Amino acid sequence: GSTNYADSVKGRFTISRDNAKNTVYLQMNSLKPEDTAVYYCNA
């Protein structure tokens, strides 16, 4: 359950997980144009 964030998204994005479902989420708030990208999941 330990988390770490890039400085550019700290305070705006939240990563969470559901271990039973092997699923990870990324809640992205206060989005900025510089957040535009292809987002990839890694495990």
PDB file of all heavy atoms in Angstrom:
ATOM      1  N   GLY A   1       0.771  -1.229   0.000  1.00  0.00           N
ATOM      2  CA  GLY A   1       0.000   0.000   0.000  1.00  0.00           C
ATOM      3  C   GLY A   1       0.803   1.280   0.000  1.00  0.00           C
ATOM      4  O   GLY A   1       0.214   2.369   0.011  1.00  0.00           O
ATOM      5  N   SER A   2       2.123   1.192  -0.025  1.00  0.00           N
ATOM      6  CA  SER A   2       2.937   2.395  -0.095  1.00  0.00           C
ATOM      7  C   SER A   2       2.802   3.040  -1.470  1.00  0.00           C
ATOM      8  O   SER A   2       2.746   2.345  -2.479  1.00  0.00           O
ATOM      9  CB  SER A   2       4.401   2.077   0.180  1.00  0.00           C
ATOM     10  OG  SER A   2       4.574   1.564   1.488  1.00  0.00           O
ATOM     11  N   THR A   3       2.779   4.361  -1.514  1.00  0.00           N
ATOM     12  CA  THR A   3       2.616   5.090  -2.763  1.00  0.00           C
ATOM     13  C   THR A   3       3.718   6.109  -2.951  1.00  0.00           C
ATOM     14  O   THR A   3       4.323   6.593  -1.985  1.00  0.00           O
ATOM     15  CB  THR A   3       1.260   5.802  -2.821  1.00  0.00           C
ATOM     16  OG1 THR A   3       1.162   6.735  -1.738  1.00  0.00           O
ATOM     17  CG2 THR A   3       0.119   4.812  -2.733  1.00  0.00           C
ATOM     18  N   ASN A   4       3.957   6.449  -4.208  1.00  0.00           N
ATOM     19  CA  ASN A   4       4.891   7.496  -4.555  1.00  0.00           C
ATOM     20  C   ASN A   4       4.390   8.163  -5.825  1.00  0.00           C
ATOM     21  O   ASN A   4       3.830   7.502  -6.700  1.00  0.00           O
ATOM     22  CB  ASN A   4       6.298   6.944  -4.757  1.00  0.00           C
ATOM     23  CG  ASN A   4       7.352   8.023  -4.783  1.00  0.00           C
ATOM     24  OD1 ASN A   4       7.223   9.048  -4.131  1.00  0.00           O
ATOM     25  ND2 ASN A   4       8.425   7.789  -5.533  1.00  0.00           N
ATOM     26  N   TYR A   5       4.601   9.477  -5.925  1.00  0.00           N
ATOM     27  CA  TYR A   5       4.102  10.263  -7.048  1.00  0.00           C
ATOM     28  C   TYR A   5       5.189  11.142  -7.628  1.00  0.00           C
ATOM     29  O   TYR A   5       6.071  11.614  -6.912  1.00  0.00           O
ATOM     30  CB  TYR A   5       2.955  11.171  -6.603  1.00  0.00           C
ATOM     31  CG  TYR A   5       1.745  10.459  -6.077  1.00  0.00           C
ATOM     32  CD1 TYR A   5       1.628  10.142  -4.727  1.00  0.00           C
ATOM     33  CD2 TYR A   5       0.712  10.096  -6.933  1.00  0.00           C
ATOM     34  CE1 TYR A   5       0.515   9.486  -4.241  1.00  0.00           C
ATOM     35  CE2 TYR A   5      -0.410   9.440  -6.454  1.00  0.00           C
ATOM     36  CZ  TYR A   5      -0.501   9.139  -5.109  1.00  0.00           C
ATOM     37  OH  TYR A   5      -1.615   8.488  -4.632  1.00  0.00           O
ATOM     38  N   ALA A   6       5.080  11.387  -8.914  1.00  0.00           N
ATOM     39  CA  ALA A   6       5.900  12.415  -9.526  1.00  0.00           C
ATOM     40  C   ALA A   6       5.515  13.771  -8.948  1.00  0.00           C
ATOM     41  O   ALA A   6       4.344  14.026  -8.651  1.00  0.00           O
ATOM     42  CB  ALA A   6       5.704  12.428 -11.038  1.00  0.00           C
ATOM     43  N   ASP A   7       6.500  14.644  -8.782  1.00  0.00           N
ATOM     44  CA  ASP A   7       6.224  15.960  -8.215  1.00  0.00           C
ATOM     45  C   ASP A   7       5.172  16.726  -9.020  1.00  0.00           C
ATOM     46  O   ASP A   7       4.375  17.488  -8.456  1.00  0.00           O
ATOM     47  CB  ASP A   7       7.510  16.781  -8.135  1.00  0.00           C
ATOM     48  CG  ASP A   7       8.453  16.303  -7.051  1.00  0.00           C
ATOM     49  OD1 ASP A   7       8.010  15.578  -6.140  1.00  0.00           O
ATOM     50  OD2 ASP A   7       9.646  16.668  -7.115  1.00  0.00           O
ATOM     51  N   SER A   8       5.146  16.525 -10.312  1.00  0.00           N
ATOM     52  CA  SER A   8       4.242  17.260 -11.173  1.00  0.00           C
ATOM     53  C   SER A   8       2.772  16.912 -10.963  1.00  0.00           C
ATOM     54  O   SER A   8       1.895  17.684 -11.359  1.00  0.00           O
ATOM     55  CB  SER A   8       4.610  17.037 -12.643  1.00  0.00           C
ATOM     56  OG  SER A   8       4.540  15.665 -12.972  1.00  0.00           O
ATOM     57  N   VAL A   9       2.487  15.765 -10.353  1.00  0.00           N
ATOM     58  CA  VAL A   9       1.102  15.349 -10.151  1.00  0.00           C
ATOM     59  C   VAL A   9       0.719  15.255  -8.682  1.00  0.00           C
ATOM     60  O   VAL A   9      -0.459  15.025  -8.374  1.00  0.00           O
ATOM     61  CB  VAL A   9       0.812  14.003 -10.840  1.00  0.00           C
ATOM     62  CG1 VAL A   9       1.222  14.048 -12.301  1.00  0.00           C
ATOM     63  CG2 VAL A   9       1.506  12.853 -10.121  1.00  0.00           C
ATOM     64  N   LYS A  10       1.663  15.441  -7.800  1.00  0.00           N
ATOM     65  CA  LYS A  10       1.409  15.314  -6.367  1.00  0.00           C
ATOM     66  C   LYS A  10       0.333  16.305  -5.928  1.00  0.00           C
ATOM     67  O   LYS A  10       0.387  17.488  -6.253  1.00  0.00           O
ATOM     68  CB  LYS A  10       2.706  15.536  -5.598  1.00  0.00           C
ATOM     69  CG  LYS A  10       2.703  15.014  -4.182  1.00  0.00           C
ATOM     70  CD  LYS A  10       4.113  15.066  -3.574  1.00  0.00           C
ATOM     71  CE  LYS A  10       5.074  14.163  -4.313  1.00  0.00           C
ATOM     72  NZ  LYS A  10       6.440  14.173  -3.706  1.00  0.00           N
ATOM     73  N   GLY A  11      -0.641  15.802  -5.197  1.00  0.00           N
ATOM     74  CA  GLY A  11      -1.749  16.625  -4.746  1.00  0.00           C
ATOM     75  C   GLY A  11      -2.917  16.662  -5.706  1.00  0.00           C
ATOM     76  O   GLY A  11      -4.002  17.113  -5.324  1.00  0.00           O
ATOM     77  N   ARG A  12      -2.717  16.222  -6.934  1.00  0.00           N
ATOM     78  CA  ARG A  12      -3.781  16.207  -7.935  1.00  0.00           C
ATOM     79  C   ARG A  12      -4.207  14.797  -8.312  1.00  0.00           C
ATOM     80  O   ARG A  12      -5.381  14.559  -8.590  1.00  0.00           O
ATOM     81  CB  ARG A  12      -3.335  16.947  -9.203  1.00  0.00           C
ATOM     82  CG  ARG A  12      -2.978  18.408  -8.970  1.00  0.00           C
ATOM     83  CD  ARG A  12      -2.734  19.123 -10.298  1.00  0.00           C
ATOM     84  NE  ARG A  12      -1.577  18.576 -11.001  1.00  0.00           N
ATOM     85  CZ  ARG A  12      -1.629  18.039 -12.219  1.00  0.00           C
ATOM     86  NH1 ARG A  12      -2.780  17.982 -12.873  1.00  0.00           N
ATOM     87  NH2 ARG A  12      -0.527  17.578 -12.790  1.00  0.00           N
ATOM     88  N   PHE A  13      -3.258  13.865  -8.348  1.00  0.00           N
ATOM     89  CA  PHE A  13      -3.530  12.483  -8.733  1.00  0.00           C
ATOM     90  C   PHE A  13      -3.475  11.587  -7.508  1.00  0.00           C
ATOM     91  O   PHE A  13      -2.680  11.812  -6.588  1.00  0.00           O
ATOM     92  CB  PHE A  13      -2.494  11.973  -9.737  1.00  0.00           C
ATOM     93  CG  PHE A  13      -2.552  12.604 -11.100  1.00  0.00           C
ATOM     94  CD1 PHE A  13      -3.336  13.714 -11.365  1.00  0.00           C
ATOM     95  CD2 PHE A  13      -1.798  12.064 -12.131  1.00  0.00           C
ATOM     96  CE1 PHE A  13      -3.376  14.292 -12.619  1.00  0.00           C
ATOM     97  CE2 PHE A  13      -1.830  12.628 -13.393  1.00  0.00           C
ATOM     98  CZ  PHE A  13      -2.611  13.738 -13.648  1.00  0.00           C
ATOM     99  N   THR A  14      -4.281  10.536  -7.511  1.00  0.00           N
ATOM    100  CA  THR A  14      -4.274   9.543  -6.450  1.00  0.00           C
ATOM    101  C   THR A  14      -4.276   8.146  -7.050  1.00  0.00           C
ATOM    102  O   THR A  14      -5.155   7.819  -7.855  1.00  0.00           O
ATOM    103  CB  THR A  14      -5.485   9.694  -5.522  1.00  0.00           C
ATOM    104  OG1 THR A  14      -5.507  11.006  -4.960  1.00  0.00           O
ATOM    105  CG2 THR A  14      -5.418   8.681  -4.386  1.00  0.00           C
ATOM    106  N   ILE A  15      -3.299   7.335  -6.670  1.00  0.00           N
ATOM    107  CA  ILE A  15      -3.259   5.947  -7.104  1.00  0.00           C
ATOM    108  C   ILE A  15      -3.854   5.077  -5.998  1.00  0.00           C
ATOM    109  O   ILE A  15      -3.614   5.311  -4.815  1.00  0.00           O
ATOM    110  CB  ILE A  15      -1.821   5.507  -7.466  1.00  0.00           C
ATOM    111  CG1 ILE A  15      -1.829   4.128  -8.129  1.00  0.00           C
ATOM    112  CG2 ILE A  15      -0.902   5.540  -6.258  1.00  0.00           C
ATOM    113  CD1 ILE A  15      -0.491   3.747  -8.754  1.00  0.00           C
ATOM    114  N   SER A  16      -4.631   4.091  -6.386  1.00  0.00           N
ATOM    115  CA  SER A  16      -5.226   3.168  -5.438  1.00  0.00           C
ATOM    116  C   SER A  16      -5.311   1.789  -6.068  1.00  0.00           C
ATOM    117  O   SER A  16      -5.062   1.626  -7.262  1.00  0.00           O
ATOM    118  CB  SER A  16      -6.610   3.652  -4.981  1.00  0.00           C
ATOM    119  OG  SER A  16      -7.505   3.749  -6.079  1.00  0.00           O
ATOM    120  N   ARG A  17      -5.659   0.808  -5.269  1.00  0.00           N
ATOM    121  CA  ARG A  17      -5.692  -0.565  -5.769  1.00  0.00           C
ATOM    122  C   ARG A  17      -6.819  -1.357  -5.140  1.00  0.00           C
ATOM    123  O   ARG A  17      -7.325  -1.019  -4.067  1.00  0.00           O
ATOM    124  CB  ARG A  17      -4.356  -1.257  -5.472  1.00  0.00           C
ATOM    125  CG  ARG A  17      -4.124  -1.418  -3.978  1.00  0.00           C
ATOM    126  CD  ARG A  17      -2.863  -2.136  -3.644  1.00  0.00           C
ATOM    127  NE  ARG A  17      -2.788  -2.374  -2.202  1.00  0.00           N
ATOM    128  CZ  ARG A  17      -1.872  -3.101  -1.610  1.00  0.00           C
ATOM    129  NH1 ARG A  17      -0.920  -3.666  -2.333  1.00  0.00           N
ATOM    130  NH2 ARG A  17      -1.897  -3.261  -0.293  1.00  0.00           N
ATOM    131  N   ASP A  18      -7.190  -2.426  -5.826  1.00  0.00           N
ATOM    132  CA  ASP A  18      -8.080  -3.440  -5.294  1.00  0.00           C
ATOM    133  C   ASP A  18      -7.344  -4.760  -5.495  1.00  0.00           C
ATOM    134  O   ASP A  18      -7.350  -5.319  -6.591  1.00  0.00           O
ATOM    135  CB  ASP A  18      -9.424  -3.434  -6.012  1.00  0.00           C
ATOM    136  CG  ASP A  18     -10.419  -4.403  -5.403  1.00  0.00           C
ATOM    137  OD1 ASP A  18     -10.005  -5.380  -4.762  1.00  0.00           O
ATOM    138  OD2 ASP A  18     -11.636  -4.184  -5.576  1.00  0.00           O
ATOM    139  N   ASN A  19      -6.692  -5.240  -4.451  1.00  0.00           N
ATOM    140  CA  ASN A  19      -5.864  -6.436  -4.573  1.00  0.00           C
ATOM    141  C   ASN A  19      -6.675  -7.674  -4.965  1.00  0.00           C
ATOM    142  O   ASN A  19      -6.180  -8.537  -5.690  1.00  0.00           O
ATOM    143  CB  ASN A  19      -5.125  -6.703  -3.263  1.00  0.00           C
ATOM    144  CG  ASN A  19      -3.984  -5.743  -3.028  1.00  0.00           C
ATOM    145  OD1 ASN A  19      -3.542  -5.034  -3.934  1.00  0.00           O
ATOM    146  ND2 ASN A  19      -3.483  -5.714  -1.796  1.00  0.00           N
ATOM    147  N   ALA A  20      -7.901  -7.768  -4.484  1.00  0.00           N
ATOM    148  CA  ALA A  20      -8.735  -8.919  -4.813  1.00  0.00           C
ATOM    149  C   ALA A  20      -9.031  -9.002  -6.299  1.00  0.00           C
ATOM    150  O   ALA A  20      -9.241 -10.090  -6.840  1.00  0.00           O
ATOM    151  CB  ALA A  20     -10.034  -8.874  -4.016  1.00  0.00           C
ATOM    152  N   LYS A  21      -9.060  -7.859  -6.965  1.00  0.00           N
ATOM    153  CA  LYS A  21      -9.348  -7.799  -8.399  1.00  0.00           C
ATOM    154  C   LYS A  21      -8.105  -7.586  -9.249  1.00  0.00           C
ATOM    155  O   LYS A  21      -8.215  -7.497 -10.473  1.00  0.00           O
ATOM    156  CB  LYS A  21     -10.353  -6.691  -8.687  1.00  0.00           C
ATOM    157  CG  LYS A  21     -11.698  -6.876  -8.018  1.00  0.00           C
ATOM    158  CD  LYS A  21     -12.631  -5.725  -8.345  1.00  0.00           C
ATOM    159  CE  LYS A  21     -13.986  -5.912  -7.681  1.00  0.00           C
ATOM    160  NZ  LYS A  21     -14.898  -4.775  -7.967  1.00  0.00           N
ATOM    161  N   ASN A  22      -6.932  -7.496  -8.612  1.00  0.00           N
ATOM    162  CA  ASN A  22      -5.686  -7.196  -9.324  1.00  0.00           C
ATOM    163  C   ASN A  22      -5.848  -5.971 -10.220  1.00  0.00           C
ATOM    164  O   ASN A  22      -5.444  -5.966 -11.387  1.00  0.00           O
ATOM    165  CB  ASN A  22      -5.211  -8.399 -10.137  1.00  0.00           C
ATOM    166  CG  ASN A  22      -4.642  -9.504  -9.275  1.00  0.00           C
ATOM    167  OD1 ASN A  22      -4.175  -9.268  -8.164  1.00  0.00           O
ATOM    168  ND2 ASN A  22      -4.666 -10.725  -9.782  1.00  0.00           N
ATOM    169  N   THR A  23      -6.428  -4.937  -9.656  1.00  0.00           N
ATOM    170  CA  THR A  23      -6.742  -3.731 -10.398  1.00  0.00           C
ATOM    171  C   THR A  23      -6.145  -2.511  -9.708  1.00  0.00           C
ATOM    172  O   THR A  23      -6.182  -2.403  -8.482  1.00  0.00           O
ATOM    173  CB  THR A  23      -8.260  -3.561 -10.542  1.00  0.00           C
ATOM    174  OG1 THR A  23      -8.792  -4.674 -11.267  1.00  0.00           O
ATOM    175  CG2 THR A  23      -8.603  -2.286 -11.291  1.00  0.00           C
ATOM    176  N   VAL A  24      -5.604  -1.609 -10.505  1.00  0.00           N
ATOM    177  CA  VAL A  24      -5.076  -0.353 -10.011  1.00  0.00           C
ATOM    178  C   VAL A  24      -5.828   0.785 -10.687  1.00  0.00           C
ATOM    179  O   VAL A  24      -6.244   0.671 -11.846  1.00  0.00           O
ATOM    180  CB  VAL A  24      -3.553  -0.249 -10.245  1.00  0.00           C
ATOM    181  CG1 VAL A  24      -3.222  -0.209 -11.732  1.00  0.00           C
ATOM    182  CG2 VAL A  24      -2.972   0.960  -9.530  1.00  0.00           C
ATOM    183  N   TYR A  25      -6.003   1.888  -9.955  1.00  0.00           N
ATOM    184  CA  TYR A  25      -6.721   3.046 -10.449  1.00  0.00           C
ATOM    185  C   TYR A  25      -5.840   4.279 -10.340  1.00  0.00           C
ATOM    186  O   TYR A  25      -4.946   4.360  -9.498  1.00  0.00           O
ATOM    187  CB  TYR A  25      -7.995   3.288  -9.642  1.00  0.00           C
ATOM    188  CG  TYR A  25      -8.903   2.089  -9.554  1.00  0.00           C
ATOM    189  CD1 TYR A  25      -8.806   1.198  -8.486  1.00  0.00           C
ATOM    190  CD2 TYR A  25      -9.851   1.837 -10.535  1.00  0.00           C
ATOM    191  CE1 TYR A  25      -9.631   0.094  -8.402  1.00  0.00           C
ATOM    192  CE2 TYR A  25     -10.685   0.740 -10.461  1.00  0.00           C
ATOM    193  CZ  TYR A  25     -10.572  -0.128  -9.392  1.00  0.00           C
ATOM    194  OH  TYR A  25     -11.399  -1.229  -9.310  1.00  0.00           O
ATOM    195  N   LEU A  26      -6.116   5.242 -11.189  1.00  0.00           N
ATOM    196  CA  LEU A  26      -5.481   6.543 -11.090  1.00  0.00           C
ATOM    197  C   LEU A  26      -6.564   7.605 -11.209  1.00  0.00           C
ATOM    198  O   LEU A  26      -7.114   7.815 -12.292  1.00  0.00           O
ATOM    199  CB  LEU A  26      -4.419   6.736 -12.172  1.00  0.00           C
ATOM    200  CG  LEU A  26      -3.596   8.020 -12.057  1.00  0.00           C
ATOM    201  CD1 LEU A  26      -2.708   7.981 -10.814  1.00  0.00           C
ATOM    202  CD2 LEU A  26      -2.747   8.242 -13.309  1.00  0.00           C
ATOM    203  N   GLN A  27      -6.880   8.243 -10.092  1.00  0.00           N
ATOM    204  CA  GLN A  27      -7.818   9.356 -10.081  1.00  0.00           C
ATOM    205  C   GLN A  27      -7.047  10.623 -10.391  1.00  0.00           C
ATOM    206  O   GLN A  27      -6.120  10.985  -9.664  1.00  0.00           O
ATOM    207  CB  GLN A  27      -8.508   9.472  -8.726  1.00  0.00           C
ATOM    208  CG  GLN A  27      -9.487  10.629  -8.620  1.00  0.00           C
ATOM    209  CD  GLN A  27     -10.688  10.459  -9.514  1.00  0.00           C
ATOM    210  OE1 GLN A  27     -11.275   9.390  -9.560  1.00  0.00           O
ATOM    211  NE2 GLN A  27     -11.055  11.515 -10.229  1.00  0.00           N
ATOM    212  N   MET A  28      -7.430  11.305 -11.453  1.00  0.00           N
ATOM    213  CA  MET A  28      -6.726  12.494 -11.916  1.00  0.00           C
ATOM    214  C   MET A  28      -7.666  13.683 -11.814  1.00  0.00           C
ATOM    215  O   MET A  28      -8.682  13.743 -12.507  1.00  0.00           O
ATOM    216  CB  MET A  28      -6.239  12.316 -13.354  1.00  0.00           C
ATOM    217  CG  MET A  28      -5.361  11.087 -13.550  1.00  0.00           C
ATOM    218  SD  MET A  28      -4.661  10.991 -15.220  1.00  0.00           S
ATOM    219  CE  MET A  28      -6.154  10.733 -16.167  1.00  0.00           C
ATOM    220  N   ASN A  29      -7.325  14.621 -10.950  1.00  0.00           N
ATOM    221  CA  ASN A  29      -8.106  15.831 -10.749  1.00  0.00           C
ATOM    222  C   ASN A  29      -7.296  17.049 -11.165  1.00  0.00           C
ATOM    223  O   ASN A  29      -6.082  16.997 -11.282  1.00  0.00           O
ATOM    224  CB  ASN A  29      -8.523  15.969  -9.288  1.00  0.00           C
ATOM    225  CG  ASN A  29      -9.395  14.841  -8.801  1.00  0.00           C
ATOM    226  OD1 ASN A  29     -10.197  14.292  -9.555  1.00  0.00           O
ATOM    227  ND2 ASN A  29      -9.258  14.496  -7.522  1.00  0.00           N
ATOM    228  N   SER A  30      -7.988  18.159 -11.362  1.00  0.00           N
ATOM    229  CA  SER A  30      -7.346  19.419 -11.726  1.00  0.00           C
ATOM    230  C   SER A  30      -6.389  19.234 -12.893  1.00  0.00           C
ATOM    231  O   SER A  30      -5.243  19.689 -12.871  1.00  0.00           O
ATOM    232  CB  SER A  30      -6.613  20.009 -10.516  1.00  0.00           C
ATOM    233  OG  SER A  30      -7.500  20.227  -9.440  1.00  0.00           O
ATOM    234  N   LEU A  31      -6.864  18.582 -13.927  1.00  0.00           N
ATOM    235  CA  LEU A  31      -6.007  18.241 -15.056  1.00  0.00           C
ATOM    236  C   LEU A  31      -5.537  19.486 -15.799  1.00  0.00           C
ATOM    237  O   LEU A  31      -6.270  20.468 -15.929  1.00  0.00           O
ATOM    238  CB  LEU A  31      -6.730  17.301 -16.004  1.00  0.00           C
ATOM    239  CG  LEU A  31      -6.790  15.847 -15.519  1.00  0.00           C
ATOM    240  CD1 LEU A  31      -7.882  15.077 -16.238  1.00  0.00           C
ATOM    241  CD2 LEU A  31      -5.436  15.174 -15.717  1.00  0.00           C
ATOM    242  N   LYS A  32      -4.305  19.408 -16.276  1.00  0.00           N
ATOM    243  CA  LYS A  32      -3.660  20.490 -17.004  1.00  0.00           C
ATOM    244  C   LYS A  32      -3.300  20.024 -18.407  1.00  0.00           C
ATOM    245  O   LYS A  32      -3.123  18.826 -18.636  1.00  0.00           O
ATOM    246  CB  LYS A  32      -2.381  20.924 -16.276  1.00  0.00           C
ATOM    247  CG  LYS A  32      -2.585  21.338 -14.833  1.00  0.00           C
ATOM    248  CD  LYS A  32      -1.241  21.623 -14.165  1.00  0.00           C
ATOM    249  CE  LYS A  32      -1.418  22.024 -12.717  1.00  0.00           C
ATOM    250  NZ  LYS A  32      -0.103  22.291 -12.068  1.00  0.00           N
ATOM    251  N   PRO A  33      -3.156  20.943 -19.358  1.00  0.00           N
ATOM    252  CA  PRO A  33      -2.748  20.539 -20.707  1.00  0.00           C
ATOM    253  C   PRO A  33      -1.455  19.726 -20.724  1.00  0.00           C
ATOM    254  O   PRO A  33      -1.322  18.822 -21.558  1.00  0.00           O
ATOM    255  CB  PRO A  33      -2.582  21.872 -21.435  1.00  0.00           C
ATOM    256  CG  PRO A  33      -3.552  22.777 -20.758  1.00  0.00           C
ATOM    257  CD  PRO A  33      -3.502  22.383 -19.306  1.00  0.00           C
ATOM    258  N   GLU A  34      -0.533  20.020 -19.824  1.00  0.00           N
ATOM    259  CA  GLU A  34       0.718  19.284 -19.782  1.00  0.00           C
ATOM    260  C   GLU A  34       0.563  17.850 -19.289  1.00  0.00           C
ATOM    261  O   GLU A  34       1.517  17.069 -19.344  1.00  0.00           O
ATOM    262  CB  GLU A  34       1.772  20.018 -18.938  1.00  0.00           C
ATOM    263  CG  GLU A  34       1.276  20.441 -17.571  1.00  0.00           C
ATOM    264  CD  GLU A  34       0.826  21.886 -17.520  1.00  0.00           C
ATOM    265  OE1 GLU A  34       0.096  22.321 -18.438  1.00  0.00           O
ATOM    266  OE2 GLU A  34       1.193  22.595 -16.564  1.00  0.00           O
ATOM    267  N   ASP A  35      -0.627  17.479 -18.812  1.00  0.00           N
ATOM    268  CA  ASP A  35      -0.905  16.091 -18.468  1.00  0.00           C
ATOM    269  C   ASP A  35      -1.251  15.245 -19.689  1.00  0.00           C
ATOM    270  O   ASP A  35      -1.388  14.027 -19.568  1.00  0.00           O
ATOM    271  CB  ASP A  35      -2.057  16.004 -17.461  1.00  0.00           C
ATOM    272  CG  ASP A  35      -1.728  16.637 -16.124  1.00  0.00           C
ATOM    273  OD1 ASP A  35      -0.597  16.436 -15.629  1.00  0.00           O
ATOM    274  OD2 ASP A  35      -2.604  17.320 -15.562  1.00  0.00           O
ATOM    275  N   THR A  36      -1.413  15.883 -20.837  1.00  0.00           N
ATOM    276  CA  THR A  36      -1.751  15.166 -22.059  1.00  0.00           C
ATOM    277  C   THR A  36      -0.658  14.161 -22.404  1.00  0.00           C
ATOM    278  O   THR A  36       0.518  14.523 -22.525  1.00  0.00           O
ATOM    279  CB  THR A  36      -1.957  16.138 -23.219  1.00  0.00           C
ATOM    280  OG1 THR A  36      -3.090  16.969 -22.945  1.00  0.00           O
ATOM    281  CG2 THR A  36      -2.194  15.389 -24.525  1.00  0.00           C
ATOM    282  N   ALA A  37      -1.034  12.901 -22.559  1.00  0.00           N
ATOM    283  CA  ALA A  37      -0.079  11.829 -22.833  1.00  0.00           C
ATOM    284  C   ALA A  37      -0.839  10.528 -23.004  1.00  0.00           C
ATOM    285  O   ALA A  37      -2.040  10.444 -22.718  1.00  0.00           O
ATOM    286  CB  ALA A  37       0.930  11.688 -21.692  1.00  0.00           C
ATOM    287  N   VAL A  38      -0.130   9.514 -23.465  1.00  0.00           N
ATOM    288  CA  VAL A  38      -0.630   8.149 -23.370  1.00  0.00           C
ATOM    289  C   VAL A  38      -0.208   7.608 -22.016  1.00  0.00           C
ATOM    290  O   VAL A  38       0.971   7.662 -21.661  1.00  0.00           O
ATOM    291  CB  VAL A  38      -0.094   7.262 -24.500  1.00  0.00           C
ATOM    292  CG1 VAL A  38      -0.590   5.827 -24.326  1.00  0.00           C
ATOM    293  CG2 VAL A  38      -0.526   7.804 -25.856  1.00  0.00           C
ATOM    294  N   TYR A  39      -1.163   7.112 -21.269  1.00  0.00           N
ATOM    295  CA  TYR A  39      -0.910   6.592 -19.939  1.00  0.00           C
ATOM    296  C   TYR A  39      -0.855   5.070 -19.993  1.00  0.00           C
ATOM    297  O   TYR A  39      -1.752   4.422 -20.534  1.00  0.00           O
ATOM    298  CB  TYR A  39      -1.992   7.052 -18.964  1.00  0.00           C
ATOM    299  CG  TYR A  39      -1.828   8.492 -18.550  1.00  0.00           C
ATOM    300  CD1 TYR A  39      -2.052   9.526 -19.445  1.00  0.00           C
ATOM    301  CD2 TYR A  39      -1.419   8.819 -17.252  1.00  0.00           C
ATOM    302  CE1 TYR A  39      -1.871  10.844 -19.074  1.00  0.00           C
ATOM    303  CE2 TYR A  39      -1.245  10.134 -16.869  1.00  0.00           C
ATOM    304  CZ  TYR A  39      -1.466  11.146 -17.786  1.00  0.00           C
ATOM    305  OH  TYR A  39      -1.292  12.457 -17.401  1.00  0.00           O
ATOM    306  N   TYR A  40       0.210   4.507 -19.422  1.00  0.00           N
ATOM    307  CA  TYR A  40       0.452   3.076 -19.448  1.00  0.00           C
ATOM    308  C   TYR A  40       0.457   2.497 -18.046  1.00  0.00           C
ATOM    309  O   TYR A  40       1.056   3.068 -17.131  1.00  0.00           O
ATOM    310  CB  TYR A  40       1.803   2.764 -20.088  1.00  0.00           C
ATOM    311  CG  TYR A  40       1.917   3.138 -21.545  1.00  0.00           C
ATOM    312  CD1 TYR A  40       2.392   4.382 -21.924  1.00  0.00           C
ATOM    313  CD2 TYR A  40       1.555   2.235 -22.532  1.00  0.00           C
ATOM    314  CE1 TYR A  40       2.503   4.729 -23.248  1.00  0.00           C
ATOM    315  CE2 TYR A  40       1.667   2.574 -23.870  1.00  0.00           C
ATOM    316  CZ  TYR A  40       2.143   3.821 -24.223  1.00  0.00           C
ATOM    317  OH  TYR A  40       2.257   4.156 -25.546  1.00  0.00           O
ATOM    318  N   CYS A  41      -0.170   1.360 -17.904  1.00  0.00           N
ATOM    319  CA  CYS A  41      -0.137   0.603 -16.661  1.00  0.00           C
ATOM    320  C   CYS A  41       1.049  -0.351 -16.686  1.00  0.00           C
ATOM    321  O   CYS A  41       1.368  -0.936 -17.724  1.00  0.00           O
ATOM    322  CB  CYS A  41      -1.438  -0.180 -16.511  1.00  0.00           C
ATOM    323  SG  CYS A  41      -1.572  -1.170 -15.021  1.00  0.00           S
ATOM    324  N   ASN A  42       1.700  -0.500 -15.550  1.00  0.00           N
ATOM    325  CA  ASN A  42       2.824  -1.411 -15.405  1.00  0.00           C
ATOM    326  C   ASN A  42       2.638  -2.233 -14.139  1.00  0.00           C
ATOM    327  O   ASN A  42       2.168  -1.721 -13.122  1.00  0.00           O
ATOM    328  CB  ASN A  42       4.137  -0.628 -15.330  1.00  0.00           C
ATOM    329  CG  ASN A  42       5.330  -1.510 -15.051  1.00  0.00           C
ATOM    330  OD1 ASN A  42       5.740  -1.678 -13.901  1.00  0.00           O
ATOM    331  ND2 ASN A  42       5.904  -2.078 -16.097  1.00  0.00           N
ATOM    332  N   ALA A  43       3.006  -3.511 -14.212  1.00  0.00           N
ATOM    333  CA  ALA A  43       2.891  -4.380 -13.047  1.00  0.00           C
ATOM    334  C   ALA A  43       4.126  -5.247 -12.903  1.00  0.00           C
ATOM    335  O   ALA A  43       4.615  -5.816 -13.885  1.00  0.00           O
ATOM    336  CB  ALA A  43       1.652  -5.264 -13.146  1.00  0.00           C
TER     337      ALA A  43
END
